[in-house]
Amino acid sequence: MHAHITSNGSPGRRQRHLAGELGCVHAGSVDSYIAGSMSSRTQAEFELHLLDCETCLRATELQRLLSRAIREYGHKKMRTT
């Protein structure tokens, strides 16, 4: 069973599209979770949801990898300029 995720406003079109594409109504919360912009309660609820939802877990892992790669690329660019 999935934990209920509260919303900090309505998700944007991209997030709604992603949620529909991934097959979970909570998939739009991944960006907020990775950015650390959720309240502590919402974050805890989303983390419980991740235990039950392979779709959101994979999306979270992919977003973390992408964010890390972008940061590393930015650091390399800064060192070479």
Protein backbone atom coordinates (compact mmCIF):
# COMPACT_ATOMS: atom_id res chain seq x y z
CA MET A 1 0.00 0.00 0.00
CA HIS A 2 1.29 3.46 -0.86
CA ALA A 3 1.68 6.23 1.70
CA HIS A 4 -0.39 9.33 1.08
CA ILE A 5 1.82 12.14 -0.24
CA THR A 6 0.76 15.69 0.49
CA SER A 7 1.28 18.33 -2.16
CA ASN A 8 3.13 21.63 -1.91
CA GLY A 9 1.12 23.05 -4.80
CA SER A 10 0.03 21.54 -8.05
CA PRO A 11 2.68 19.80 -10.13
CA GLY A 12 3.73 21.42 -13.37
CA ARG A 13 2.84 20.00 -16.76
CA ARG A 14 6.21 18.21 -17.05
CA GLN A 15 5.74 16.51 -13.69
CA ARG A 16 2.15 15.49 -14.47
CA HIS A 17 3.32 14.07 -17.81
CA LEU A 18 6.17 12.21 -16.11
CA ALA A 19 3.83 10.79 -13.47
CA GLY A 20 1.47 9.51 -16.14
CA GLU A 21 4.32 8.13 -18.20
CA LEU A 22 5.84 6.32 -15.23
CA GLY A 23 2.52 5.00 -14.01
CA CYS A 24 2.48 6.47 -10.49
CA VAL A 25 0.64 9.57 -9.34
CA HIS A 26 3.51 10.35 -6.93
CA ALA A 27 6.26 10.32 -9.57
CA GLY A 28 5.92 14.10 -9.87
CA SER A 29 7.29 14.37 -6.32
CA VAL A 30 10.73 13.05 -7.29
CA ASP A 31 12.13 16.46 -8.30
CA SER A 32 11.04 18.05 -5.03
CA TYR A 33 12.48 15.14 -3.06
CA ILE A 34 15.86 15.34 -4.81
CA ALA A 35 15.94 19.13 -4.45
CA GLY A 36 15.24 18.84 -0.73
CA SER A 37 12.28 21.19 -1.00
CA MET A 38 9.73 18.97 0.76
CA SER A 39 8.65 19.52 4.34
CA SER A 40 10.09 16.92 6.71
CA ARG A 41 6.67 15.25 7.01
CA THR A 42 6.17 15.06 3.24
CA GLN A 43 9.72 13.79 2.80
CA ALA A 44 9.13 11.03 5.36
CA GLU A 45 5.88 10.06 3.63
CA PHE A 46 7.59 9.97 0.23
CA GLU A 47 10.42 7.83 1.63
CA LEU A 48 7.82 5.35 2.91
CA HIS A 49 6.25 5.40 -0.53
CA LEU A 50 9.64 4.58 -2.09
CA LEU A 51 9.71 1.33 -0.11
CA ASP A 52 6.60 0.16 -1.98
CA CYS A 53 6.96 1.78 -5.39
CA GLU A 54 9.62 0.52 -7.77
CA THR A 55 8.64 3.16 -10.32
CA CYS A 56 9.36 6.09 -8.00
CA LEU A 57 12.45 4.40 -6.55
CA ARG A 58 13.95 4.01 -10.03
CA ALA A 59 12.99 7.56 -11.00
CA THR A 60 14.63 8.85 -7.80
CA GLU A 61 17.82 6.88 -8.45
CA LEU A 62 17.98 8.12 -12.05
CA GLN A 63 17.39 11.73 -10.99
CA ARG A 64 20.19 11.46 -8.39
CA LEU A 65 22.57 10.09 -11.00
CA LEU A 66 21.63 12.81 -13.47
CA SER A 67 22.03 15.56 -10.86
CA ARG A 68 25.43 14.19 -9.83
CA ALA A 69 26.60 13.99 -13.46
CA ILE A 70 25.51 17.58 -14.13
CA ARG A 71 27.34 18.81 -11.00
CA GLU A 72 30.50 16.92 -11.92
CA TYR A 73 30.39 18.24 -15.47
CA GLY A 74 29.99 21.78 -14.14
CA HIS A 75 32.98 21.37 -11.82
CA LYS A 76 35.13 20.03 -14.66
CA LYS A 77 34.13 22.96 -16.90
CA MET A 78 35.01 25.43 -14.15
CA ARG A 79 38.48 23.88 -13.68
CA THR A 80 39.28 23.96 -17.39
CA THR A 81 38.30 27.58 -17.96
